[in-house]
């Protein structure tokens, strides 16, 4: 169950961050989406931890996934640049999270 909560936390965190971009254009209605999505994201992260996932593992996956997905969706939605170096950085982040997972012993 903790993995489902973590996936939900990631989805809402990325949604909130992408909504920040819309809110920054002066469209105040997006502020509600930002606040609501961050509240849900943190609530789901708390539920992830309450269901037994280690903090280092949960936060590492949550943060790294958020960075990678936000960069990718920013490219798709907002036409922002995603260079080769940035793409390699995303792969390095994913590799780092995988190493944390393997080191924690939670992947069998």
N, C-alpha and C. Protein backbone atom coordinates (compact mmCIF):
# COMPACT_ATOMS: atom_id res chain seq x y z
N UNK A 1 0.82 -1.20 0.00
CA UNK A 1 0.00 0.00 0.00
C UNK A 1 0.86 1.26 0.00
N UNK A 2 2.04 1.17 0.64
CA UNK A 2 2.91 2.35 0.71
C UNK A 2 3.34 2.80 -0.68
N UNK A 3 3.53 1.84 -1.60
CA UNK A 3 3.93 2.20 -2.96
C UNK A 3 2.82 2.96 -3.69
N UNK A 4 1.58 2.58 -3.46
CA UNK A 4 0.47 3.31 -4.08
C UNK A 4 0.38 4.75 -3.56
N UNK A 5 0.58 4.91 -2.25
CA UNK A 5 0.59 6.25 -1.69
C UNK A 5 1.75 7.07 -2.26
N UNK A 6 2.90 6.44 -2.41
CA UNK A 6 4.06 7.15 -2.95
C UNK A 6 3.82 7.57 -4.40
N UNK A 7 3.24 6.71 -5.19
CA UNK A 7 2.93 7.06 -6.58
C UNK A 7 1.95 8.24 -6.61
N UNK A 8 0.94 8.21 -5.74
CA UNK A 8 0.00 9.32 -5.65
C UNK A 8 0.69 10.61 -5.24
N UNK A 9 1.61 10.51 -4.27
CA UNK A 9 2.36 11.69 -3.81
C UNK A 9 3.17 12.29 -4.95
N UNK A 10 3.77 11.44 -5.75
CA UNK A 10 4.58 11.90 -6.89
C UNK A 10 3.68 12.59 -7.92
N UNK A 11 2.57 11.98 -8.25
CA UNK A 11 1.65 12.55 -9.25
C UNK A 11 1.16 13.93 -8.80
N UNK A 12 0.75 14.05 -7.53
CA UNK A 12 0.24 15.34 -7.05
C UNK A 12 1.35 16.37 -6.90
N UNK A 13 2.56 15.94 -6.55
CA UNK A 13 3.66 16.89 -6.43
C UNK A 13 4.04 17.46 -7.80
N UNK A 14 4.10 16.60 -8.80
CA UNK A 14 4.41 17.05 -10.15
C UNK A 14 3.29 17.95 -10.68
N UNK A 15 2.05 17.58 -10.42
CA UNK A 15 0.92 18.42 -10.83
C UNK A 15 0.98 19.80 -10.18
N UNK A 16 1.31 19.83 -8.90
CA UNK A 16 1.41 21.11 -8.20
C UNK A 16 2.54 21.96 -8.76
N UNK A 17 3.66 21.34 -9.04
CA UNK A 17 4.80 22.09 -9.57
C UNK A 17 4.51 22.62 -10.96
N UNK A 18 3.88 21.82 -11.80
CA UNK A 18 3.50 22.30 -13.12
C UNK A 18 2.46 23.41 -13.02
N UNK A 19 1.57 23.32 -12.05
CA UNK A 19 0.57 24.37 -11.83
C UNK A 19 1.22 25.67 -11.38
N UNK A 20 2.38 25.58 -10.73
CA UNK A 20 3.11 26.78 -10.34
C UNK A 20 3.43 27.63 -11.57
N UNK A 21 3.78 26.95 -12.64
CA UNK A 21 4.10 27.66 -13.88
C UNK A 21 2.89 28.45 -14.37
N UNK A 22 1.73 27.86 -14.30
CA UNK A 22 0.51 28.55 -14.72
C UNK A 22 0.18 29.69 -13.76
N UNK A 23 0.35 29.46 -12.47
CA UNK A 23 0.08 30.50 -11.47
C UNK A 23 1.03 31.68 -11.65
N UNK A 24 2.24 31.43 -12.12
CA UNK A 24 3.22 32.50 -12.28
C UNK A 24 2.89 33.45 -13.42
N UNK A 25 1.94 33.06 -14.26
CA UNK A 25 1.53 33.93 -15.37
C UNK A 25 0.47 34.93 -14.94
N UNK A 26 0.11 34.92 -13.65
CA UNK A 26 -0.87 35.85 -13.12
C UNK A 26 -2.27 35.28 -13.05
N UNK A 27 -2.43 34.03 -13.42
CA UNK A 27 -3.75 33.39 -13.36
C UNK A 27 -3.97 32.84 -11.95
N UNK A 28 -4.62 33.64 -11.13
CA UNK A 28 -4.75 33.32 -9.71
C UNK A 28 -5.54 32.05 -9.43
N UNK A 29 -6.39 31.66 -10.36
CA UNK A 29 -7.17 30.43 -10.12
C UNK A 29 -6.26 29.21 -9.99
N UNK A 30 -5.05 29.28 -10.56
CA UNK A 30 -4.10 28.19 -10.46
C UNK A 30 -3.50 28.08 -9.07
N UNK A 31 -3.56 29.14 -8.29
CA UNK A 31 -3.02 29.09 -6.92
C UNK A 31 -3.74 28.04 -6.10
N UNK A 32 -5.04 27.89 -6.34
CA UNK A 32 -5.82 26.88 -5.61
C UNK A 32 -5.33 25.48 -5.99
N UNK A 33 -5.07 25.28 -7.27
CA UNK A 33 -4.56 23.98 -7.73
C UNK A 33 -3.20 23.70 -7.12
N UNK A 34 -2.34 24.71 -7.06
CA UNK A 34 -1.01 24.54 -6.47
C UNK A 34 -1.13 24.12 -5.01
N UNK A 35 -1.87 24.91 -4.24
CA UNK A 35 -2.01 24.64 -2.80
C UNK A 35 -2.66 23.28 -2.54
N UNK A 36 -3.73 23.01 -3.26
CA UNK A 36 -4.44 21.74 -3.06
C UNK A 36 -3.59 20.53 -3.42
N UNK A 37 -2.91 20.61 -4.54
CA UNK A 37 -2.09 19.46 -4.99
C UNK A 37 -0.91 19.23 -4.05
N UNK A 38 -0.28 20.32 -3.57
CA UNK A 38 0.82 20.13 -2.61
C UNK A 38 0.32 19.54 -1.30
N UNK A 39 -0.85 19.98 -0.84
CA UNK A 39 -1.41 19.42 0.40
C UNK A 39 -1.68 17.92 0.25
N UNK A 40 -2.24 17.54 -0.89
CA UNK A 40 -2.51 16.12 -1.13
C UNK A 40 -1.20 15.35 -1.26
N UNK A 41 -0.21 15.93 -1.94
CA UNK A 41 1.08 15.26 -2.12
C UNK A 41 1.74 14.97 -0.77
N UNK A 42 1.77 15.99 0.10
CA UNK A 42 2.40 15.78 1.40
C UNK A 42 1.59 14.82 2.27
N UNK A 43 0.28 14.87 2.17
CA UNK A 43 -0.55 13.92 2.91
C UNK A 43 -0.25 12.50 2.45
N UNK A 44 -0.14 12.31 1.15
CA UNK A 44 0.14 10.97 0.64
C UNK A 44 1.57 10.52 1.00
N UNK A 45 2.50 11.47 1.08
CA UNK A 45 3.85 11.11 1.51
C UNK A 45 3.84 10.69 2.98
N UNK A 46 3.06 11.37 3.79
CA UNK A 46 2.91 10.97 5.20
C UNK A 46 2.30 9.57 5.28
N UNK A 47 1.29 9.28 4.47
CA UNK A 47 0.68 7.95 4.46
C UNK A 47 1.68 6.89 4.00
N UNK A 48 2.55 7.26 3.06
CA UNK A 48 3.60 6.35 2.61
C UNK A 48 4.48 5.95 3.79
N UNK A 49 4.90 6.94 4.56
CA UNK A 49 5.76 6.68 5.71
C UNK A 49 5.00 5.92 6.80
N UNK A 50 3.73 6.26 6.98
CA UNK A 50 2.91 5.58 7.99
C UNK A 50 2.72 4.11 7.68
N UNK A 51 2.83 3.77 6.40
CA UNK A 51 2.67 2.37 5.99
C UNK A 51 3.99 1.62 5.94
N UNK A 52 5.04 2.21 6.50
CA UNK A 52 6.26 1.46 6.72
C UNK A 52 7.44 1.71 5.79
N UNK A 53 7.29 2.55 4.78
CA UNK A 53 8.43 2.80 3.91
C UNK A 53 9.43 3.70 4.63
N UNK A 54 10.70 3.40 4.48
CA UNK A 54 11.75 4.19 5.12
C UNK A 54 11.78 5.60 4.53
N UNK A 55 12.07 6.57 5.36
CA UNK A 55 12.08 7.97 4.95
C UNK A 55 13.08 8.23 3.82
N UNK A 56 14.29 7.71 3.95
CA UNK A 56 15.31 7.93 2.91
C UNK A 56 14.89 7.39 1.56
N UNK A 57 14.27 6.24 1.57
CA UNK A 57 13.81 5.62 0.32
C UNK A 57 12.64 6.41 -0.25
N UNK A 58 11.64 6.69 0.58
CA UNK A 58 10.45 7.39 0.11
C UNK A 58 10.80 8.78 -0.41
N UNK A 59 11.56 9.53 0.36
CA UNK A 59 11.89 10.89 -0.05
C UNK A 59 12.79 10.89 -1.28
N UNK A 60 13.73 9.97 -1.35
CA UNK A 60 14.61 9.89 -2.51
C UNK A 60 13.83 9.63 -3.79
N UNK A 61 12.92 8.69 -3.74
CA UNK A 61 12.12 8.36 -4.92
C UNK A 61 11.18 9.52 -5.25
N UNK A 62 10.54 10.09 -4.23
CA UNK A 62 9.60 11.19 -4.42
C UNK A 62 10.29 12.41 -5.04
N UNK A 63 11.40 12.79 -4.48
CA UNK A 63 12.10 13.98 -4.97
C UNK A 63 12.69 13.76 -6.36
N UNK A 64 13.36 12.65 -6.55
CA UNK A 64 14.00 12.39 -7.85
C UNK A 64 12.96 12.21 -8.96
N UNK A 65 11.90 11.52 -8.66
CA UNK A 65 10.84 11.34 -9.65
C UNK A 65 10.21 12.68 -10.00
N UNK A 66 10.02 13.50 -8.97
CA UNK A 66 9.44 14.82 -9.20
C UNK A 66 10.31 15.67 -10.10
N UNK A 67 11.61 15.66 -9.87
CA UNK A 67 12.54 16.44 -10.71
C UNK A 67 12.50 15.94 -12.15
N UNK A 68 12.62 14.63 -12.31
CA UNK A 68 12.66 14.05 -13.67
C UNK A 68 11.34 14.28 -14.41
N UNK A 69 10.24 13.97 -13.78
CA UNK A 69 8.94 14.12 -14.45
C UNK A 69 8.60 15.57 -14.73
N UNK A 70 8.95 16.47 -13.81
CA UNK A 70 8.69 17.89 -14.05
C UNK A 70 9.48 18.39 -15.25
N UNK A 71 10.73 17.99 -15.37
CA UNK A 71 11.54 18.40 -16.52
C UNK A 71 10.96 17.86 -17.82
N UNK A 72 10.55 16.62 -17.81
CA UNK A 72 9.98 16.00 -19.02
C UNK A 72 8.66 16.66 -19.41
N UNK A 73 7.76 16.81 -18.43
CA UNK A 73 6.45 17.41 -18.73
C UNK A 73 6.56 18.90 -19.07
N UNK A 74 7.56 19.59 -18.50
CA UNK A 74 7.78 20.99 -18.87
C UNK A 74 8.18 21.11 -20.33
N UNK A 75 8.94 20.16 -20.79
CA UNK A 75 9.32 20.12 -22.21
C UNK A 75 8.08 19.91 -23.08
N UNK A 76 7.23 18.97 -22.68
CA UNK A 76 6.04 18.63 -23.48
C UNK A 76 4.98 19.73 -23.41
N UNK A 77 4.67 20.20 -22.21
CA UNK A 77 3.55 21.13 -22.02
C UNK A 77 3.94 22.58 -22.33
N UNK A 78 5.10 23.00 -21.82
CA UNK A 78 5.48 24.41 -21.91
C UNK A 78 6.56 24.67 -22.96
N UNK A 79 6.97 23.62 -23.67
CA UNK A 79 8.00 23.75 -24.71
C UNK A 79 9.32 24.29 -24.16
N UNK A 80 9.64 23.93 -22.91
CA UNK A 80 10.90 24.35 -22.33
C UNK A 80 12.03 23.47 -22.86
N UNK A 81 13.24 23.99 -22.77
CA UNK A 81 14.39 23.25 -23.29
C UNK A 81 14.70 22.04 -22.42
N UNK A 82 15.07 20.96 -23.06
CA UNK A 82 15.56 19.76 -22.39
C UNK A 82 16.77 19.30 -23.20
N UNK A 83 17.92 19.68 -22.74
CA UNK A 83 19.16 19.42 -23.49
C UNK A 83 19.65 18.00 -23.23
N UNK A 84 20.64 17.61 -23.98
CA UNK A 84 21.26 16.30 -23.80
C UNK A 84 21.86 16.18 -22.40
N UNK A 85 22.51 17.24 -21.95
CA UNK A 85 23.11 17.22 -20.60
C UNK A 85 22.03 17.07 -19.54
N UNK A 86 20.92 17.78 -19.71
CA UNK A 86 19.80 17.66 -18.77
C UNK A 86 19.24 16.24 -18.79
N UNK A 87 19.11 15.66 -19.96
CA UNK A 87 18.60 14.28 -20.09
C UNK A 87 19.53 13.29 -19.40
N UNK A 88 20.83 13.49 -19.55
CA UNK A 88 21.79 12.63 -18.86
C UNK A 88 21.65 12.80 -17.35
N UNK A 89 21.44 14.04 -16.91
CA UNK A 89 21.23 14.29 -15.49
C UNK A 89 20.02 13.55 -14.95
N UNK A 90 18.95 13.52 -15.72
CA UNK A 90 17.75 12.77 -15.31
C UNK A 90 18.08 11.29 -15.16
N UNK A 91 18.83 10.74 -16.09
CA UNK A 91 19.23 9.34 -16.00
C UNK A 91 20.11 9.08 -14.78
N UNK A 92 21.00 10.02 -14.46
CA UNK A 92 21.85 9.89 -13.28
C UNK A 92 21.00 9.90 -12.01
N UNK A 93 20.00 10.78 -11.97
CA UNK A 93 19.10 10.85 -10.81
C UNK A 93 18.36 9.52 -10.66
N UNK A 94 17.85 9.00 -11.76
CA UNK A 94 17.14 7.72 -11.71
C UNK A 94 18.08 6.61 -11.23
N UNK A 95 19.32 6.63 -11.72
CA UNK A 95 20.31 5.65 -11.26
C UNK A 95 20.59 5.78 -9.78
N UNK A 96 20.67 7.02 -9.29
CA UNK A 96 20.91 7.23 -7.87
C UNK A 96 19.77 6.71 -7.01
N UNK A 97 18.56 6.94 -7.45
CA UNK A 97 17.40 6.43 -6.70
C UNK A 97 17.40 4.90 -6.71
N UNK A 98 17.74 4.32 -7.85
CA UNK A 98 17.81 2.86 -7.93
C UNK A 98 18.86 2.32 -6.96
N UNK A 99 19.99 3.01 -6.85
CA UNK A 99 21.03 2.59 -5.91
C UNK A 99 20.55 2.68 -4.46
N UNK A 100 19.77 3.73 -4.14
CA UNK A 100 19.22 3.85 -2.79
C UNK A 100 18.27 2.68 -2.53
N UNK A 101 17.43 2.37 -3.52
CA UNK A 101 16.49 1.26 -3.37
C UNK A 101 17.22 -0.07 -3.18
N UNK A 102 18.21 -0.31 -4.01
CA UNK A 102 18.97 -1.56 -3.90
C UNK A 102 19.71 -1.65 -2.58
N UNK A 103 20.23 -0.51 -2.14
CA UNK A 103 20.96 -0.48 -0.87
C UNK A 103 20.07 -0.67 0.34
N UNK A 104 18.78 -0.29 0.20
CA UNK A 104 17.86 -0.44 1.33
C UNK A 104 17.38 -1.87 1.48
N UNK A 105 17.55 -2.66 0.43
CA UNK A 105 17.11 -4.04 0.49
C UNK A 105 15.64 -4.23 0.27
N UNK A 106 14.93 -3.18 -0.20
CA UNK A 106 13.49 -3.31 -0.39
C UNK A 106 13.14 -3.89 -1.77
N UNK A 107 14.12 -4.02 -2.68
CA UNK A 107 13.89 -4.72 -3.95
C UNK A 107 14.49 -6.10 -3.80
N UNK A 108 13.70 -7.11 -4.04
CA UNK A 108 14.18 -8.49 -3.85
C UNK A 108 14.32 -9.19 -5.17
